C-alpha atoms as a PDB file:
ATOM      1  CA  MET A   1       6.306  14.708  45.093  1.00  0.00           C
ATOM      2  CA  ARG A   2       8.890  13.584  47.732  1.00  0.00           C
ATOM      3  CA  ILE A   3      10.641  16.985  47.597  1.00  0.00           C
ATOM      4  CA  MET A   4       7.315  18.733  48.037  1.00  0.00           C
ATOM      5  CA  SER A   5       6.531  16.571  51.097  1.00  0.00           C
ATOM      6  CA  ARG A   6       9.900  17.339  52.674  1.00  0.00           C
ATOM      7  CA  GLN A   7       9.347  21.026  52.158  1.00  0.00           C
ATOM      8  CA  LYS A   8       5.938  20.634  53.785  1.00  0.00           C
ATOM      9  CA  VAL A   9       4.147  22.102  50.783  1.00  0.00           C
ATOM     10  CA  ALA A  10       0.420  21.386  50.910  1.00  0.00           C
ATOM     11  CA  THR A  11      -0.483  18.849  48.243  1.00  0.00           C
ATOM     12  CA  ASN A  12      -3.890  19.867  46.865  1.00  0.00           C
ATOM     13  CA  SER A  13      -6.130  18.969  43.968  1.00  0.00           C
ATOM     14  CA  ILE A  14      -4.689  21.610  41.647  1.00  0.00           C
ATOM     15  CA  ILE A  15      -1.143  20.361  42.120  1.00  0.00           C
ATOM     16  CA  HIS A  16      -2.220  16.740  41.641  1.00  0.00           C
ATOM     17  CA  SER A  17      -4.061  17.631  38.446  1.00  0.00           C
ATOM     18  CA  ALA A  18      -1.016  19.486  37.111  1.00  0.00           C
ATOM     19  CA  VAL A  19       1.283  16.522  37.843  1.00  0.00           C
ATOM     20  CA  ILE A  20      -1.196  14.083  36.259  1.00  0.00           C
ATOM     21  CA  SER A  21      -1.293  16.287  33.165  1.00  0.00           C
ATOM     22  CA  ALA A  22       2.518  16.229  33.022  1.00  0.00           C
ATOM     23  CA  CYS A  23       2.464  12.414  33.304  1.00  0.00           C
ATOM     24  CA  GLU A  24      -0.021  12.244  30.414  1.00  0.00           C
ATOM     25  CA  LYS A  25       2.244  14.381  28.249  1.00  0.00           C
ATOM     26  CA  GLY A  26       5.212  12.248  29.263  1.00  0.00           C
ATOM     27  CA  PHE A  27       3.475   8.948  28.362  1.00  0.00           C
ATOM     28  CA  ARG A  28       3.537   7.764  31.992  1.00  0.00           C
ATOM     29  CA  TRP A  29       0.107   6.216  32.345  1.00  0.00           C
ATOM     30  CA  GLN A  30       1.026   4.113  35.403  1.00  0.00           C
ATOM     31  CA  LYS A  31       2.066   7.206  37.381  1.00  0.00           C
ATOM     32  CA  ALA A  32      -1.016   9.146  36.269  1.00  0.00           C
ATOM     33  CA  LEU A  33      -3.236   6.283  37.403  1.00  0.00           C
ATOM     34  CA  GLN A  34      -1.421   6.077  40.727  1.00  0.00           C
ATOM     35  CA  LEU A  35      -1.888   9.806  41.326  1.00  0.00           C
ATOM     36  CA  VAL A  36      -5.598   9.904  40.499  1.00  0.00           C
ATOM     37  CA  GLN A  37      -6.159   6.957  42.826  1.00  0.00           C
ATOM     38  CA  GLY A  38      -4.049   8.657  45.486  1.00  0.00           C
ATOM     39  CA  MET A  39      -6.330  11.684  45.397  1.00  0.00           C
ATOM     40  CA  ARG A  40      -9.181   9.519  46.624  1.00  0.00           C
ATOM     41  CA  VAL A  41      -7.046   8.149  49.475  1.00  0.00           C
ATOM     42  CA  LEU A  42      -6.019  11.691  50.471  1.00  0.00           C
ATOM     43  CA  GLN A  43      -9.654  12.805  50.209  1.00  0.00           C
ATOM     44  CA  LEU A  44      -8.769  15.430  47.619  1.00  0.00           C
ATOM     45  CA  GLN A  45     -11.476  16.620  45.288  1.00  0.00           C
ATOM     46  CA  GLN A  46     -11.298  14.960  41.875  1.00  0.00           C
ATOM     47  CA  ASP A  47     -12.633  16.718  38.798  1.00  0.00           C
ATOM     48  CA  ALA A  48     -13.066  16.069  35.078  1.00  0.00           C
ATOM     49  CA  ASN A  49      -9.632  17.513  34.276  1.00  0.00           C
ATOM     50  CA  CYS A  50      -7.665  15.015  36.358  1.00  0.00           C
ATOM     51  CA  PHE A  51      -9.728  12.118  34.982  1.00  0.00           C
ATOM     52  CA  ASN A  52      -9.389  13.371  31.403  1.00  0.00           C
ATOM     53  CA  SER A  53      -5.609  13.554  31.689  1.00  0.00           C
ATOM     54  CA  THR A  54      -5.468  10.045  33.160  1.00  0.00           C
ATOM     55  CA  ILE A  55      -7.787   8.603  30.485  1.00  0.00           C
ATOM     56  CA  SER A  56      -5.664  10.282  27.815  1.00  0.00           C
ATOM     57  CA  ALA A  57      -2.518   8.827  29.419  1.00  0.00           C
ATOM     58  CA  CYS A  58      -4.109   5.361  29.304  1.00  0.00           C
ATOM     59  CA  GLU A  59      -5.075   5.932  25.677  1.00  0.00           C
ATOM     60  CA  LYS A  60      -1.472   6.780  24.786  1.00  0.00           C
ATOM     61  CA  GLY A  61      -0.336   3.716  26.698  1.00  0.00           C
ATOM     62  CA  GLN A  62      -2.873   1.526  24.866  1.00  0.00           C
ATOM     63  CA  GLN A  63      -4.655   0.674  28.109  1.00  0.00           C
ATOM     64  CA  TRP A  64      -8.247   0.625  26.875  1.00  0.00           C
ATOM     65  CA  GLY A  65      -9.568  -1.400  29.820  1.00  0.00           C
ATOM     66  CA  ARG A  66      -8.251   1.105  32.343  1.00  0.00           C
ATOM     67  CA  ALA A  67      -9.669   3.985  30.281  1.00  0.00           C
ATOM     68  CA  ILE A  68     -13.120   2.361  30.428  1.00  0.00           C
ATOM     69  CA  HIS A  69     -12.761   1.792  34.177  1.00  0.00           C
ATOM     70  CA  LEU A  70     -11.911   5.475  34.700  1.00  0.00           C
ATOM     71  CA  MET A  71     -15.026   6.485  32.764  1.00  0.00           C
ATOM     72  CA  GLU A  72     -17.086   4.255  35.050  1.00  0.00           C
ATOM     73  CA  GLU A  73     -15.356   5.722  38.094  1.00  0.00           C
ATOM     74  CA  MET A  74     -16.280   9.233  36.956  1.00  0.00           C
ATOM     75  CA  GLN A  75     -19.957   8.258  36.922  1.00  0.00           C
ATOM     76  CA  THR A  76     -19.657   6.569  40.333  1.00  0.00           C
ATOM     77  CA  ASN A  77     -18.163   9.777  41.744  1.00  0.00           C
ATOM     78  CA  GLN A  78     -20.861  11.845  39.986  1.00  0.00           C
ATOM     79  CA  ILE A  79     -18.292  13.662  37.855  1.00  0.00           C
ATOM     80  CA  GLN A  80     -19.772  14.695  34.501  1.00  0.00           C
ATOM     81  CA  PRO A  81     -17.659  13.404  31.587  1.00  0.00           C
ATOM     82  CA  ASP A  82     -17.189  15.800  28.682  1.00  0.00           C
ATOM     83  CA  ALA A  83     -16.217  15.430  25.025  1.00  0.00           C
ATOM     84  CA  ILE A  84     -12.544  15.081  25.973  1.00  0.00           C
ATOM     85  CA  SER A  85     -13.365  12.203  28.357  1.00  0.00           C
ATOM     86  CA  PHE A  86     -15.377  10.314  25.746  1.00  0.00           C
ATOM     87  CA  ASN A  87     -13.020  11.001  22.850  1.00  0.00           C
ATOM     88  CA  SER A  88      -9.949   9.837  24.788  1.00  0.00           C
ATOM     89  CA  ALA A  89     -11.724   6.656  25.916  1.00  0.00           C
ATOM     90  CA  ILE A  90     -13.021   5.955  22.394  1.00  0.00           C
ATOM     91  CA  SER A  91      -9.531   6.475  20.987  1.00  0.00           C
ATOM     92  CA  ALA A  92      -8.165   4.042  23.600  1.00  0.00           C
ATOM     93  CA  CYS A  93     -10.709   1.455  22.455  1.00  0.00           C
ATOM     94  CA  GLU A  94      -9.773   2.124  18.840  1.00  0.00           C
ATOM     95  CA  LYS A  95      -6.102   1.438  19.602  1.00  0.00           C
ATOM     96  CA  GLY A  96      -7.123  -1.706  21.469  1.00  0.00           C
ATOM     97  CA  HIS A  97      -9.245  -3.019  18.568  1.00  0.00           C
ATOM     98  CA  GLN A  98     -12.407  -2.748  20.670  1.00  0.00           C
ATOM     99  CA  TRP A  99     -14.867  -1.420  18.096  1.00  0.00           C
ATOM    100  CA  LEU A 100     -17.967  -2.421  20.058  1.00  0.00           C
ATOM    101  CA  LYS A 101     -16.788  -0.623  23.209  1.00  0.00           C
ATOM    102  CA  ALA A 102     -15.950   2.444  21.130  1.00  0.00           C
ATOM    103  CA  LEU A 103     -19.435   2.394  19.626  1.00  0.00           C
ATOM    104  CA  GLU A 104     -21.039   1.981  23.050  1.00  0.00           C
ATOM    105  CA  LEU A 105     -19.155   5.007  24.375  1.00  0.00           C
ATOM    106  CA  ALA A 106     -20.185   7.105  21.375  1.00  0.00           C
ATOM    107  CA  CYS A 107     -23.831   6.141  21.975  1.00  0.00           C
ATOM    108  CA  GLN A 108     -23.570   7.047  25.675  1.00  0.00           C
ATOM    109  CA  MET A 109     -22.648  10.640  24.883  1.00  0.00           C
ATOM    110  CA  SER A 110     -26.269  11.668  24.257  1.00  0.00           C
ATOM    111  CA  GLN A 111     -27.232  10.320  27.690  1.00  0.00           C
ATOM    112  CA  HIS A 112     -24.794  12.807  29.238  1.00  0.00           C
ATOM    113  CA  ASN A 113     -25.869  15.667  26.948  1.00  0.00           C
ATOM    114  CA  VAL A 114     -22.429  15.688  25.344  1.00  0.00           C
ATOM    115  CA  PRO A 115     -22.667  16.231  21.578  1.00  0.00           C
ATOM    116  CA  PRO A 116     -20.232  14.123  19.526  1.00  0.00           C
ATOM    117  CA  ASN A 117     -17.768  16.047  17.382  1.00  0.00           C
ATOM    118  CA  SER A 118     -15.509  15.210  14.444  1.00  0.00           C
ATOM    119  CA  ILE A 119     -12.905  13.689  16.762  1.00  0.00           C
ATOM    120  CA  THR A 120     -15.564  11.359  18.198  1.00  0.00           C
ATOM    121  CA  TYR A 121     -16.661  10.173  14.766  1.00  0.00           C
ATOM    122  CA  ASN A 122     -13.132   9.815  13.392  1.00  0.00           C
ATOM    123  CA  ALA A 123     -11.994   7.684  16.337  1.00  0.00           C
ATOM    124  CA  THR A 124     -15.129   5.501  16.177  1.00  0.00           C
ATOM    125  CA  ILE A 125     -14.838   5.067  12.397  1.00  0.00           C
ATOM    126  CA  SER A 126     -11.176   4.084  12.839  1.00  0.00           C
ATOM    127  CA  ALA A 127     -12.178   1.546  15.495  1.00  0.00           C
ATOM    128  CA  CYS A 128     -14.710  -0.007  13.102  1.00  0.00           C
ATOM    129  CA  GLU A 129     -12.187   0.043  10.268  1.00  0.00           C
ATOM    130  CA  LYS A 130      -9.547  -1.825  12.262  1.00  0.00           C
ATOM    131  CA  ASP A 131     -11.971  -4.647  12.976  1.00  0.00           C
ATOM    132  CA  GLY A 132     -13.411  -4.867   9.464  1.00  0.00           C
ATOM    133  CA  GLN A 133     -16.785  -3.312  10.281  1.00  0.00           C
ATOM    134  CA  TRP A 134     -17.077  -1.461   6.967  1.00  0.00           C
ATOM    135  CA  GLU A 135     -20.856  -1.051   7.033  1.00  0.00           C
ATOM    136  CA  LEU A 136     -20.773   0.616  10.455  1.00  0.00           C
ATOM    137  CA  ALA A 137     -17.847   2.797   9.388  1.00  0.00           C
ATOM    138  CA  LEU A 138     -19.785   3.959   6.325  1.00  0.00           C
ATOM    139  CA  HIS A 139     -22.914   4.594   8.428  1.00  0.00           C
ATOM    140  CA  LEU A 140     -20.918   6.747  10.864  1.00  0.00           C
ATOM    141  CA  PHE A 141     -19.293   8.617   7.977  1.00  0.00           C
ATOM    142  CA  GLN A 142     -22.721   9.401   6.523  1.00  0.00           C
ATOM    143  CA  ASP A 143     -24.068  10.334   9.955  1.00  0.00           C
ATOM    144  CA  MET A 144     -21.395  13.035  10.188  1.00  0.00           C
ATOM    145  CA  GLN A 145     -23.116  14.761   7.266  1.00  0.00           C
ATOM    146  CA  HIS A 146     -26.483  14.567   9.014  1.00  0.00           C
ATOM    147  CA  GLN A 147     -24.887  16.106  12.108  1.00  0.00           C
ATOM    148  CA  ARG A 148     -23.366  18.825   9.900  1.00  0.00           C
ATOM    149  CA  LEU A 149     -19.863  17.890  10.973  1.00  0.00           C
ATOM    150  CA  HIS A 150     -16.966  18.549   8.635  1.00  0.00           C
ATOM    151  CA  HIS A 151     -15.307  15.527   7.047  1.00  0.00           C
ATOM    152  CA  GLU A 152     -11.537  15.604   7.336  1.00  0.00           C
ATOM    153  CA  VAL A 153      -8.986  13.567   5.428  1.00  0.00           C
ATOM    154  CA  ILE A 154      -8.774  11.196   8.412  1.00  0.00           C
ATOM    155  CA  SER A 155     -12.536  10.577   8.101  1.00  0.00           C
ATOM    156  CA  TYR A 156     -12.143   9.644   4.445  1.00  0.00           C
ATOM    157  CA  ASN A 157      -9.008   7.560   5.004  1.00  0.00           C
ATOM    158  CA  ALA A 158     -10.544   5.467   7.767  1.00  0.00           C
ATOM    159  CA  THR A 159     -13.761   4.877   5.799  1.00  0.00           C
ATOM    160  CA  ILE A 160     -11.905   4.032   2.579  1.00  0.00           C
ATOM    161  CA  SER A 161      -9.683   1.627   4.542  1.00  0.00           C
ATOM    162  CA  ALA A 162     -12.811   0.020   6.007  1.00  0.00           C
ATOM    163  CA  ALA A 163     -14.240  -0.385   2.495  1.00  0.00           C
ATOM    164  CA  GLU A 164     -10.928  -1.910   1.382  1.00  0.00           C
ATOM    165  CA  LYS A 165     -11.021  -4.465   4.204  1.00  0.00           C
ATOM    166  CA  GLY A 166     -14.619  -5.279   3.251  1.00  0.00           C
ATOM    167  CA  GLU A 167     -13.616  -5.649  -0.425  1.00  0.00           C
ATOM    168  CA  GLN A 168     -15.956  -2.833  -1.419  1.00  0.00           C
ATOM    169  CA  TRP A 169     -13.947  -1.231  -4.199  1.00  0.00           C
ATOM    170  CA  GLN A 170     -16.899   0.744  -5.611  1.00  0.00           C
ATOM    171  CA  ILE A 171     -17.446   2.470  -2.261  1.00  0.00           C
ATOM    172  CA  ALA A 172     -13.722   3.178  -1.923  1.00  0.00           C
ATOM    173  CA  LEU A 173     -13.606   4.780  -5.380  1.00  0.00           C
ATOM    174  CA  GLY A 174     -16.725   6.816  -4.661  1.00  0.00           C
ATOM    175  CA  LEU A 175     -15.192   8.188  -1.459  1.00  0.00           C
ATOM    176  CA  VAL A 176     -11.951   9.126  -3.225  1.00  0.00           C
ATOM    177  CA  GLN A 177     -13.976  11.055  -5.791  1.00  0.00           C
ATOM    178  CA  GLN A 178     -16.131  12.645  -3.100  1.00  0.00           C
ATOM    179  CA  ALA A 179     -13.030  13.812  -1.228  1.00  0.00           C
ATOM    180  CA  TRP A 180     -11.826  15.525  -4.394  1.00  0.00           C
ATOM    181  CA  THR A 181     -15.171  17.293  -4.980  1.00  0.00           C
ATOM    182  CA  GLN A 182     -15.140  18.437  -1.323  1.00  0.00           C
ATOM    183  CA  SER A 183     -11.629  19.902  -1.803  1.00  0.00           C
ATOM    184  CA  ILE A 184     -10.157  17.503   0.754  1.00  0.00           C
ATOM    185  CA  GLN A 185      -6.381  17.189   0.418  1.00  0.00           C
ATOM    186  CA  ARG A 186      -6.060  13.497  -0.359  1.00  0.00           C
ATOM    187  CA  ASN A 187      -2.786  11.889   0.737  1.00  0.00           C
ATOM    188  CA  THR A 188      -0.802   8.695   0.268  1.00  0.00           C
ATOM    189  CA  ILE A 189      -2.970   6.837   2.786  1.00  0.00           C
ATOM    190  CA  THR A 190      -6.112   7.805   0.849  1.00  0.00           C
ATOM    191  CA  PHE A 191      -4.825   6.510  -2.461  1.00  0.00           C
ATOM    192  CA  ASN A 192      -3.081   3.411  -1.099  1.00  0.00           C
ATOM    193  CA  ALA A 193      -6.268   2.233   0.612  1.00  0.00           C
ATOM    194  CA  ALA A 194      -8.285   2.802  -2.566  1.00  0.00           C
ATOM    195  CA  ILE A 195      -5.694   1.075  -4.801  1.00  0.00           C
ATOM    196  CA  SER A 196      -5.650  -1.886  -2.412  1.00  0.00           C
ATOM    197  CA  ALA A 197      -9.458  -2.022  -2.591  1.00  0.00           C
ATOM    198  CA  CYS A 198      -9.229  -2.116  -6.399  1.00  0.00           C
ATOM    199  CA  GLU A 199      -6.573  -4.827  -6.189  1.00  0.00           C
ATOM    200  CA  LYS A 200      -8.855  -6.995  -4.061  1.00  0.00           C
ATOM    201  CA  GLY A 201     -11.630  -6.450  -6.593  1.00  0.00           C
ATOM    202  CA  ALA A 202      -9.304  -7.192  -9.551  1.00  0.00           C
ATOM    203  CA  GLN A 203      -9.982  -3.684 -10.881  1.00  0.00           C
ATOM    204  CA  TRP A 204      -6.584  -3.122 -12.481  1.00  0.00           C
ATOM    205  CA  ALA A 205      -7.652  -0.185 -14.692  1.00  0.00           C
ATOM    206  CA  HIS A 206      -9.000   1.775 -11.710  1.00  0.00           C
ATOM    207  CA  ALA A 207      -5.880   0.922  -9.721  1.00  0.00           C
ATOM    208  CA  LEU A 208      -3.651   2.328 -12.476  1.00  0.00           C
ATOM    209  CA  GLN A 209      -5.794   5.455 -12.749  1.00  0.00           C
ATOM    210  CA  LEU A 210      -5.463   6.092  -9.014  1.00  0.00           C
ATOM    211  CA  LEU A 211      -1.724   5.459  -9.178  1.00  0.00           C
ATOM    212  CA  GLY A 212      -1.458   8.085 -11.894  1.00  0.00           C
ATOM    213  CA  GLU A 213      -3.481  10.623  -9.902  1.00  0.00           C
ATOM    214  CA  MET A 214      -1.676  10.325  -6.579  1.00  0.00           C
ATOM    215  CA  PRO A 215       1.228  12.553  -5.582  1.00  0.00           C
ATOM    216  CA  GLY A 216       4.366  10.623  -4.655  1.00  0.00           C
ATOM    217  CA  PRO A 217       3.362   6.947  -4.812  1.00  0.00           C
ATOM    218  CA  ASP A 218       5.399   4.630  -2.584  1.00  0.00           C
ATOM    219  CA  GLU A 219       6.213   0.929  -2.494  1.00  0.00           C
ATOM    220  CA  VAL A 220       2.760   0.065  -1.132  1.00  0.00           C
ATOM    221  CA  SER A 221       1.113   1.950  -4.015  1.00  0.00           C
ATOM    222  CA  TYR A 222       3.112   0.130  -6.665  1.00  0.00           C
ATOM    223  CA  SER A 223       2.813  -3.274  -4.996  1.00  0.00           C
ATOM    224  CA  SER A 224      -0.991  -3.036  -4.845  1.00  0.00           C
ATOM    225  CA  ALA A 225      -1.150  -1.855  -8.465  1.00  0.00           C
ATOM    226  CA  VAL A 226       1.114  -4.723  -9.571  1.00  0.00           C
ATOM    227  CA  LEU A 227      -1.108  -7.243  -7.781  1.00  0.00           C
ATOM    228  CA  ALA A 228      -4.186  -5.653  -9.385  1.00  0.00           C
ATOM    229  CA  CYS A 229      -2.633  -6.059 -12.854  1.00  0.00           C
ATOM    230  CA  SER A 230      -1.688  -9.614 -11.941  1.00  0.00           C
ATOM    231  CA  LYS A 231      -5.275 -10.495 -11.064  1.00  0.00           C
ATOM    232  CA  GLY A 232      -6.393  -8.874 -14.307  1.00  0.00           C
ATOM    233  CA  GLN A 233      -3.929 -11.029 -16.294  1.00  0.00           C
ATOM    234  CA  HIS A 234      -1.999  -7.947 -17.446  1.00  0.00           C
ATOM    235  CA  TRP A 235       1.535  -9.216 -16.880  1.00  0.00           C
ATOM    236  CA  LEU A 236       3.336  -6.681 -19.070  1.00  0.00           C
ATOM    237  CA  LYS A 237       1.669  -3.763 -17.292  1.00  0.00           C
ATOM    238  CA  ALA A 238       2.755  -5.279 -13.975  1.00  0.00           C
ATOM    239  CA  LEU A 239       6.355  -5.457 -15.207  1.00  0.00           C
ATOM    240  CA  ASP A 240       6.155  -1.890 -16.524  1.00  0.00           C
ATOM    241  CA  LEU A 241       5.126  -0.770 -13.050  1.00  0.00           C
ATOM    242  CA  TRP A 242       8.260  -2.352 -11.611  1.00  0.00           C
ATOM    243  CA  ASP A 243      10.300  -0.295 -14.092  1.00  0.00           C
ATOM    244  CA  GLN A 244       8.466   2.838 -12.950  1.00  0.00           C
ATOM    245  CA  LEU A 245       9.111   1.979  -9.303  1.00  0.00           C
ATOM    246  CA  ARG A 246      12.841   1.649  -9.923  1.00  0.00           C
ATOM    247  CA  ALA A 247      12.906   4.819 -12.038  1.00  0.00           C
ATOM    248  CA  CYS A 248      11.434   6.690  -9.053  1.00  0.00           C
ATOM    249  CA  GLY A 249      14.245   5.392  -6.852  1.00  0.00           C
ATOM    250  CA  ILE A 250      11.890   3.304  -4.712  1.00  0.00           C
ATOM    251  CA  GLU A 251      13.279   0.039  -3.379  1.00  0.00           C
ATOM    252  CA  ALA A 252      10.756  -2.705  -2.688  1.00  0.00           C
ATOM    253  CA  ASP A 253      11.198  -4.657   0.523  1.00  0.00           C
ATOM    254  CA  GLU A 254      12.694  -8.073  -0.071  1.00  0.00           C
ATOM    255  CA  ALA A 255       9.687  -9.674   1.646  1.00  0.00           C
ATOM    256  CA  SER A 256       7.228  -7.829  -0.583  1.00  0.00           C
ATOM    257  CA  PRO A 257       4.809 -10.009  -2.605  1.00  0.00           C
ATOM    258  CA  LEU A 258       5.753  -7.799  -5.548  1.00  0.00           C
ATOM    259  CA  TYR A 259       8.895  -9.835  -6.303  1.00  0.00           C
ATOM    260  CA  PHE A 260       7.152 -13.205  -6.104  1.00  0.00           C
ATOM    261  CA  THR A 261       4.323 -11.989  -8.355  1.00  0.00           C
ATOM    262  CA  LEU A 262       6.658 -10.552 -11.000  1.00  0.00           C
ATOM    263  CA  LEU A 263       8.959 -13.595 -10.954  1.00  0.00           C
ATOM    264  CA  MET A 264       5.987 -15.904 -11.378  1.00  0.00           C
ATOM    265  CA  HIS A 265       4.657 -13.926 -14.339  1.00  0.00           C
ATOM    266  CA  SER A 266       8.100 -13.700 -15.964  1.00  0.00           C
ATOM    267  CA  GLU A 267       8.478 -17.466 -15.752  1.00  0.00           C
ATOM    268  CA  GLN A 268       4.950 -18.138 -17.005  1.00  0.00           C
ATOM    269  CA  GLU A 269       5.417 -15.804 -19.968  1.00  0.00           C
ATOM    270  CA  ASP A 270       8.905 -17.187 -20.655  1.00  0.00           C
ATOM    271  CA  LEU A 271      10.485 -13.768 -20.171  1.00  0.00           C
ATOM    272  CA  LEU A 272      13.944 -15.018 -19.193  1.00  0.00           C
ATOM    273  CA  GLY A 273      15.583 -11.604 -19.380  1.00  0.00           C
ATOM    274  CA  ARG A 274      13.023 -10.121 -17.012  1.00  0.00           C
ATOM    275  CA  GLU A 275      13.292 -13.064 -14.650  1.00  0.00           C
ATOM    276  CA  LEU A 276      17.082 -12.792 -14.448  1.00  0.00           C
ATOM    277  CA  GLN A 277      16.841  -9.044 -13.969  1.00  0.00           C
ATOM    278  CA  LEU A 278      14.448  -9.513 -11.030  1.00  0.00           C
ATOM    279  CA  LEU A 279      16.579 -12.264  -9.453  1.00  0.00           C
ATOM    280  CA  THR A 280      19.739 -10.189  -9.808  1.00  0.00           C
ATOM    281  CA  HIS A 281      18.101  -7.114  -8.310  1.00  0.00           C
ATOM    282  CA  LEU A 282      16.549  -9.044  -5.439  1.00  0.00           C
ATOM    283  CA  GLY A 283      19.861 -10.794  -4.742  1.00  0.00           C
ATOM    284  CA  SER A 284      21.811  -7.525  -4.608  1.00  0.00           C
ATOM    285  CA  ALA A 285      19.192  -5.862  -2.378  1.00  0.00           C
ATOM    286  CA  ALA A 286      18.748  -8.819  -0.015  1.00  0.00           C
ATOM    287  CA  SER A 287      19.937  -8.372   3.571  1.00  0.00           C
ATOM    288  CA  SER A 288      20.091 -12.115   4.154  1.00  0.00           C
ATOM    289  CA  PRO A 289      23.113 -14.052   2.774  1.00  0.00           C
ATOM    290  CA  GLY A 290      20.803 -17.035   2.353  1.00  0.00           C
ATOM    291  CA  LEU A 291      18.416 -15.082   0.142  1.00  0.00           C
ATOM    292  CA  ARG A 292      21.293 -13.685  -1.921  1.00  0.00           C
ATOM    293  CA  ALA A 293      22.636 -17.189  -2.474  1.00  0.00           C
ATOM    294  CA  ALA A 294      19.170 -18.499  -3.378  1.00  0.00           C
ATOM    295  CA  CYS A 295      18.701 -15.753  -5.961  1.00  0.00           C
ATOM    296  CA  ASN A 296      22.112 -16.392  -7.524  1.00  0.00           C
ATOM    297  CA  THR A 297      21.435 -20.133  -7.630  1.00  0.00           C
ATOM    298  CA  SER A 298      17.995 -19.615  -9.181  1.00  0.00           C
ATOM    299  CA  ALA A 299      19.456 -17.319 -11.834  1.00  0.00           C
ATOM    300  CA  ALA A 300      22.144 -19.875 -12.697  1.00  0.00           C
ATOM    301  CA  LEU A 301      19.595 -22.692 -12.922  1.00  0.00           C
ATOM    302  CA  ARG A 302      17.352 -20.664 -15.206  1.00  0.00           C
ATOM    303  CA  LEU A 303      20.297 -19.972 -17.503  1.00  0.00           C
ATOM    304  CA  CYS A 304      21.112 -23.690 -17.595  1.00  0.00           C
ATOM    305  CA  GLU A 305      17.495 -24.554 -18.367  1.00  0.00           C
ATOM    306  CA  ALA A 306      17.528 -22.025 -21.195  1.00  0.00           C
ATOM    307  CA  GLY A 307      20.713 -23.598 -22.558  1.00  0.00           C
ATOM    308  CA  GLN A 308      22.757 -20.447 -22.122  1.00  0.00           C
ATOM    309  CA  VAL A 309      25.351 -21.999 -19.817  1.00  0.00           C
ATOM    310  CA  GLY A 310      27.553 -24.825 -20.911  1.00  0.00           C
END
């Protein structure tokens, strides 16, 4: 902008809008906000495009409060917001864990004769999911059908995750099945959320079925399934899952509850070999010298207790 001033190039609304759009793409929300405010000072005409780019920049910068303020400023300046305006602001609220604000914005769309689309619903469902509002998330998901909007995998994932947070394993399973009947390409997020829901509901058999159906399970998948088996008192199945995890070349994080759960079960069931195997593996994989030493010490103590060390 300084070069343009020196060259005495007229700074107009089109140029400002183009620079604001570049700032949005470059994740520079502060500069975008400064430019849109500068347009008012320079008495340049503002339009929906420059506001949309600035709201989107704020959304990417997780500035939900500023996104809301820009929406209010549009109305003050009698600039009609469109679907892009609302969707960007709703997404900003979703990232800021402001589910009520996101819902309010979605409801305001009808007042401006702006029909909500799949992006609107997906962002609002995600906002509800992040704050544990599973009933609202499910209502919005169902409302998409009434509005004849196509459910995408993100719609299913967010709603299943909401059901998982609300400990509604039956709903989560039903949505996984529905996604399959609707030929939706279910992914790791879909299955992990559903397995976690089953784990919270102590539904170990369903968790194992989902684990078997999913393509490319990861550490989260196995950890949730192990915890589900643990709650169902199926220790040997939990240990078998650890074998499967290692056979797939997946390394569990040293802070994962998986290790604690398996060690506890091995000790309770007097499975010394398993317990030593887990301690040895955890010790070799540990990044902390303290954890490695603790594992080695625990293994030695268990051997002494079992009378296998003189």
